[in-house]
Amino acid sequence: MKTHKLSLAVLAVFWLVSGFTIQKVSETEIIDSLIDNWYKAAAEANYANYFGLMADHFIFMGTDPSERWNKEQFGAFCKSYFDQGKTWDFRKIERHIEISKDGKTAWFDEKISTWMKDCRGSGVLVKTGKEWKLAQYNLSVLIENDKIQDFIQLREKP
């Protein structure tokens, strides 16, 4: 018994001396990683992983005025792109994440690099049990204020 206690004491001293610590990953870091993994799954054309990170009631709003899809509709739209390996690669430039006081809802906004140049993404996540899922995502193209009139004229062309 004394040997066991001595071994535990030596181990405890070793951990303290070596600086061994157990760091808990924050909810914000978990969410940040989930969004990065969502983008990675798209870039790798991994349909199962991409759609697996979405809640059943997920909504996607894209840059085209007609793009407001539920998960099933978005999946049908995306399937051929994923099957051909011709998807998209979004890269985070900066991201801001907020979590509700009850810890069950989170929202984010971000600036991302895309094939359309810099865009803005925003979304909502919900937590069920210990798992976060994307519930809504909104992608928008960024237009500088001094270029908005040209953009409006472009949209009005037939």
C-alpha atoms as a PDB file:
ATOM      1  CA  MET A   1       0.000   0.000   0.000  1.00  0.00           C
ATOM      2  CA  LYS A   2       2.873   2.380   0.837  1.00  0.00           C
ATOM      3  CA  THR A   3       4.441   1.702  -2.559  1.00  0.00           C
ATOM      4  CA  HIS A   4       1.162   2.589  -4.284  1.00  0.00           C
ATOM      5  CA  LYS A   5       0.850   5.857  -2.337  1.00  0.00           C
ATOM      6  CA  LEU A   6       4.482   6.649  -3.056  1.00  0.00           C
ATOM      7  CA  SER A   7       3.952   6.004  -6.779  1.00  0.00           C
ATOM      8  CA  LEU A   8       0.948   8.330  -6.844  1.00  0.00           C
ATOM      9  CA  ALA A   9       2.891  11.017  -5.021  1.00  0.00           C
ATOM     10  CA  VAL A  10       5.816  10.730  -7.451  1.00  0.00           C
ATOM     11  CA  LEU A  11       3.424  10.894 -10.385  1.00  0.00           C
ATOM     12  CA  ALA A  12       1.701  13.980  -8.955  1.00  0.00           C
ATOM     13  CA  VAL A  13       5.045  15.721  -8.422  1.00  0.00           C
ATOM     14  CA  PHE A  14       6.108  14.796 -11.964  1.00  0.00           C
ATOM     15  CA  TRP A  15       2.921  16.357 -13.404  1.00  0.00           C
ATOM     16  CA  LEU A  16       3.416  19.519 -11.399  1.00  0.00           C
ATOM     17  CA  VAL A  17       7.103  19.822 -12.318  1.00  0.00           C
ATOM     18  CA  SER A  18       6.581  19.016 -15.992  1.00  0.00           C
ATOM     19  CA  GLY A  19       3.814  21.581 -16.311  1.00  0.00           C
ATOM     20  CA  PHE A  20       1.277  18.933 -17.294  1.00  0.00           C
ATOM     21  CA  THR A  21      -2.184  20.426 -17.422  1.00  0.00           C
ATOM     22  CA  ILE A  22      -5.465  19.326 -18.835  1.00  0.00           C
ATOM     23  CA  GLN A  23      -7.001  22.104 -20.876  1.00  0.00           C
ATOM     24  CA  LYS A  24     -10.699  22.116 -21.470  1.00  0.00           C
ATOM     25  CA  VAL A  25     -11.744  23.098 -24.978  1.00  0.00           C
ATOM     26  CA  SER A  26     -14.222  25.986 -24.895  1.00  0.00           C
ATOM     27  CA  GLU A  27     -17.606  25.858 -26.602  1.00  0.00           C
ATOM     28  CA  THR A  28     -16.463  28.691 -28.862  1.00  0.00           C
ATOM     29  CA  GLU A  29     -13.456  26.619 -29.980  1.00  0.00           C
ATOM     30  CA  ILE A  30     -15.719  23.616 -30.616  1.00  0.00           C
ATOM     31  CA  ILE A  31     -18.067  25.715 -32.765  1.00  0.00           C
ATOM     32  CA  ASP A  32     -15.163  27.349 -34.614  1.00  0.00           C
ATOM     33  CA  SER A  33     -13.761  23.914 -35.403  1.00  0.00           C
ATOM     34  CA  LEU A  34     -17.180  22.620 -36.512  1.00  0.00           C
ATOM     35  CA  ILE A  35     -17.566  25.455 -39.043  1.00  0.00           C
ATOM     36  CA  ASP A  36     -13.994  24.900 -40.292  1.00  0.00           C
ATOM     37  CA  ASN A  37     -14.746  21.170 -40.647  1.00  0.00           C
ATOM     38  CA  TRP A  38     -17.963  21.980 -42.509  1.00  0.00           C
ATOM     39  CA  TYR A  39     -15.995  24.023 -45.017  1.00  0.00           C
ATOM     40  CA  LYS A  40     -13.339  21.297 -45.212  1.00  0.00           C
ATOM     41  CA  ALA A  41     -15.979  18.652 -45.961  1.00  0.00           C
ATOM     42  CA  ALA A  42     -17.262  20.794 -48.841  1.00  0.00           C
ATOM     43  CA  ALA A  43     -13.758  21.391 -50.210  1.00  0.00           C
ATOM     44  CA  GLU A  44     -13.108  17.633 -50.099  1.00  0.00           C
ATOM     45  CA  ALA A  45     -16.517  16.868 -51.663  1.00  0.00           C
ATOM     46  CA  ASN A  46     -17.424  14.787 -48.606  1.00  0.00           C
ATOM     47  CA  TYR A  47     -21.220  14.853 -48.818  1.00  0.00           C
ATOM     48  CA  ALA A  48     -21.828  12.726 -45.693  1.00  0.00           C
ATOM     49  CA  ASN A  49     -19.621  14.862 -43.454  1.00  0.00           C
ATOM     50  CA  TYR A  50     -20.917  18.127 -44.904  1.00  0.00           C
ATOM     51  CA  PHE A  51     -24.576  17.293 -44.407  1.00  0.00           C
ATOM     52  CA  GLY A  52     -23.893  15.437 -41.163  1.00  0.00           C
ATOM     53  CA  LEU A  53     -22.965  18.718 -39.481  1.00  0.00           C
ATOM     54  CA  MET A  54     -26.395  20.210 -40.243  1.00  0.00           C
ATOM     55  CA  ALA A  55     -29.492  19.985 -38.081  1.00  0.00           C
ATOM     56  CA  ASP A  56     -32.504  18.250 -39.612  1.00  0.00           C
ATOM     57  CA  HIS A  57     -34.269  21.626 -39.852  1.00  0.00           C
ATOM     58  CA  PHE A  58     -31.266  23.336 -41.516  1.00  0.00           C
ATOM     59  CA  ILE A  59     -31.863  26.312 -43.860  1.00  0.00           C
ATOM     60  CA  PHE A  60     -29.337  27.552 -46.430  1.00  0.00           C
ATOM     61  CA  MET A  61     -29.626  31.035 -47.923  1.00  0.00           C
ATOM     62  CA  GLY A  62     -27.257  31.653 -50.809  1.00  0.00           C
ATOM     63  CA  THR A  63     -26.212  34.653 -52.832  1.00  0.00           C
ATOM     64  CA  ASP A  64     -28.882  34.210 -55.511  1.00  0.00           C
ATOM     65  CA  PRO A  65     -32.265  35.735 -54.537  1.00  0.00           C
ATOM     66  CA  SER A  66     -33.946  32.368 -55.181  1.00  0.00           C
ATOM     67  CA  GLU A  67     -31.638  30.409 -52.856  1.00  0.00           C
ATOM     68  CA  ARG A  68     -33.506  29.591 -49.669  1.00  0.00           C
ATOM     69  CA  TRP A  69     -33.396  25.836 -49.209  1.00  0.00           C
ATOM     70  CA  ASN A  70     -34.166  23.417 -46.431  1.00  0.00           C
ATOM     71  CA  LYS A  71     -31.671  20.601 -45.825  1.00  0.00           C
ATOM     72  CA  GLU A  72     -33.364  18.191 -48.236  1.00  0.00           C
ATOM     73  CA  GLN A  73     -33.602  20.773 -51.046  1.00  0.00           C
ATOM     74  CA  PHE A  74     -30.034  21.930 -50.505  1.00  0.00           C
ATOM     75  CA  GLY A  75     -28.837  18.324 -50.512  1.00  0.00           C
ATOM     76  CA  ALA A  76     -30.585  17.665 -53.825  1.00  0.00           C
ATOM     77  CA  PHE A  77     -29.024  20.794 -55.313  1.00  0.00           C
ATOM     78  CA  CYS A  78     -25.526  19.926 -54.057  1.00  0.00           C
ATOM     79  CA  LYS A  79     -25.468  16.189 -54.740  1.00  0.00           C
ATOM     80  CA  SER A  80     -24.230  16.349 -58.352  1.00  0.00           C
ATOM     81  CA  TYR A  81     -21.478  18.831 -57.418  1.00  0.00           C
ATOM     82  CA  PHE A  82     -20.263  16.562 -54.621  1.00  0.00           C
ATOM     83  CA  ASP A  83     -20.505  13.469 -56.836  1.00  0.00           C
ATOM     84  CA  GLN A  84     -18.309  15.169 -59.467  1.00  0.00           C
ATOM     85  CA  GLY A  85     -15.888  16.516 -56.851  1.00  0.00           C
ATOM     86  CA  LYS A  86     -16.606  20.061 -58.078  1.00  0.00           C
ATOM     87  CA  THR A  87     -17.526  21.827 -54.866  1.00  0.00           C
ATOM     88  CA  TRP A  88     -16.373  25.011 -53.180  1.00  0.00           C
ATOM     89  CA  ASP A  89     -13.558  25.940 -50.841  1.00  0.00           C
ATOM     90  CA  PHE A  90     -14.404  28.635 -48.306  1.00  0.00           C
ATOM     91  CA  ARG A  91     -11.620  29.890 -46.037  1.00  0.00           C
ATOM     92  CA  LYS A  92     -12.119  31.836 -42.829  1.00  0.00           C
ATOM     93  CA  ILE A  93     -10.566  35.293 -42.713  1.00  0.00           C
ATOM     94  CA  GLU A  94     -12.186  36.291 -39.430  1.00  0.00           C
ATOM     95  CA  ARG A  95     -15.041  34.878 -37.381  1.00  0.00           C
ATOM     96  CA  HIS A  96     -17.089  36.077 -34.404  1.00  0.00           C
ATOM     97  CA  ILE A  97     -19.073  33.590 -32.324  1.00  0.00           C
ATOM     98  CA  GLU A  98     -21.667  34.267 -29.627  1.00  0.00           C
ATOM     99  CA  ILE A  99     -23.390  31.713 -27.414  1.00  0.00           C
ATOM    100  CA  SER A 100     -26.718  32.153 -25.633  1.00  0.00           C
ATOM    101  CA  LYS A 101     -26.772  32.232 -21.826  1.00  0.00           C
ATOM    102  CA  ASP A 102     -28.463  28.833 -21.682  1.00  0.00           C
ATOM    103  CA  GLY A 103     -25.696  27.379 -23.897  1.00  0.00           C
ATOM    104  CA  LYS A 104     -28.120  25.825 -26.396  1.00  0.00           C
ATOM    105  CA  THR A 105     -27.907  28.317 -29.264  1.00  0.00           C
ATOM    106  CA  ALA A 106     -24.960  30.010 -30.929  1.00  0.00           C
ATOM    107  CA  TRP A 107     -24.625  32.410 -33.815  1.00  0.00           C
ATOM    108  CA  PHE A 108     -21.686  33.611 -35.847  1.00  0.00           C
ATOM    109  CA  ASP A 109     -20.693  36.034 -38.525  1.00  0.00           C
ATOM    110  CA  GLU A 110     -17.547  35.819 -40.547  1.00  0.00           C
ATOM    111  CA  LYS A 111     -15.601  37.147 -43.463  1.00  0.00           C
ATOM    112  CA  ILE A 112     -14.513  34.339 -45.786  1.00  0.00           C
ATOM    113  CA  SER A 113     -12.409  33.940 -48.898  1.00  0.00           C
ATOM    114  CA  THR A 114     -14.305  32.227 -51.731  1.00  0.00           C
ATOM    115  CA  TRP A 115     -14.211  31.904 -55.520  1.00  0.00           C
ATOM    116  CA  MET A 116     -16.446  35.008 -55.451  1.00  0.00           C
ATOM    117  CA  LYS A 117     -13.680  36.871 -53.564  1.00  0.00           C
ATOM    118  CA  ASP A 118     -14.409  37.975 -49.988  1.00  0.00           C
ATOM    119  CA  CYS A 119     -17.907  37.118 -48.800  1.00  0.00           C
ATOM    120  CA  ARG A 120     -19.801  37.184 -45.534  1.00  0.00           C
ATOM    121  CA  GLY A 121     -21.187  34.093 -43.902  1.00  0.00           C
ATOM    122  CA  SER A 122     -23.475  34.058 -40.913  1.00  0.00           C
ATOM    123  CA  GLY A 123     -25.307  31.302 -39.202  1.00  0.00           C
ATOM    124  CA  VAL A 124     -27.039  29.763 -36.244  1.00  0.00           C
ATOM    125  CA  LEU A 125     -26.141  26.570 -34.427  1.00  0.00           C
ATOM    126  CA  VAL A 126     -28.215  24.558 -31.972  1.00  0.00           C
ATOM    127  CA  LYS A 127     -26.985  22.202 -29.284  1.00  0.00           C
ATOM    128  CA  THR A 128     -28.780  18.963 -28.638  1.00  0.00           C
ATOM    129  CA  GLY A 129     -27.256  17.013 -25.793  1.00  0.00           C
ATOM    130  CA  LYS A 130     -23.517  17.555 -26.215  1.00  0.00           C
ATOM    131  CA  GLU A 131     -23.558  18.035 -29.988  1.00  0.00           C
ATOM    132  CA  TRP A 132     -23.663  21.275 -32.002  1.00  0.00           C
ATOM    133  CA  LYS A 133     -25.357  21.340 -35.420  1.00  0.00           C
ATOM    134  CA  LEU A 134     -25.747  24.093 -38.002  1.00  0.00           C
ATOM    135  CA  ALA A 135     -29.379  25.211 -38.160  1.00  0.00           C
ATOM    136  CA  GLN A 136     -29.048  28.101 -40.597  1.00  0.00           C
ATOM    137  CA  TYR A 137     -26.397  29.536 -42.893  1.00  0.00           C
ATOM    138  CA  ASN A 138     -26.529  32.728 -44.922  1.00  0.00           C
ATOM    139  CA  LEU A 139     -23.919  33.523 -47.567  1.00  0.00           C
ATOM    140  CA  SER A 140     -23.666  37.022 -48.987  1.00  0.00           C
ATOM    141  CA  VAL A 141     -21.361  38.748 -51.425  1.00  0.00           C
ATOM    142  CA  LEU A 142     -19.669  41.862 -50.103  1.00  0.00           C
ATOM    143  CA  ILE A 143     -20.130  45.055 -52.135  1.00  0.00           C
ATOM    144  CA  GLU A 144     -18.323  48.236 -51.173  1.00  0.00           C
ATOM    145  CA  ASN A 145     -20.640  51.202 -50.561  1.00  0.00           C
ATOM    146  CA  ASP A 146     -19.023  53.265 -53.308  1.00  0.00           C
ATOM    147  CA  LYS A 147     -19.767  50.461 -55.820  1.00  0.00           C
ATOM    148  CA  ILE A 148     -23.383  49.796 -54.861  1.00  0.00           C
ATOM    149  CA  GLN A 149     -24.906  51.967 -57.624  1.00  0.00           C
ATOM    150  CA  ASP A 150     -23.022  49.983 -60.294  1.00  0.00           C
ATOM    151  CA  PHE A 151     -24.197  46.790 -58.632  1.00  0.00           C
ATOM    152  CA  ILE A 152     -27.825  47.960 -58.626  1.00  0.00           C
ATOM    153  CA  GLN A 153     -27.594  48.814 -62.324  1.00  0.00           C
ATOM    154  CA  LEU A 154     -26.071  45.409 -63.050  1.00  0.00           C
ATOM    155  CA  ARG A 155     -28.956  43.667 -61.267  1.00  0.00           C
ATOM    156  CA  GLU A 156     -31.550  45.715 -63.182  1.00  0.00           C
ATOM    157  CA  LYS A 157     -30.232  44.605 -66.573  1.00  0.00           C
ATOM    158  CA  PRO A 158     -32.429  42.025 -68.270  1.00  0.00           C
END
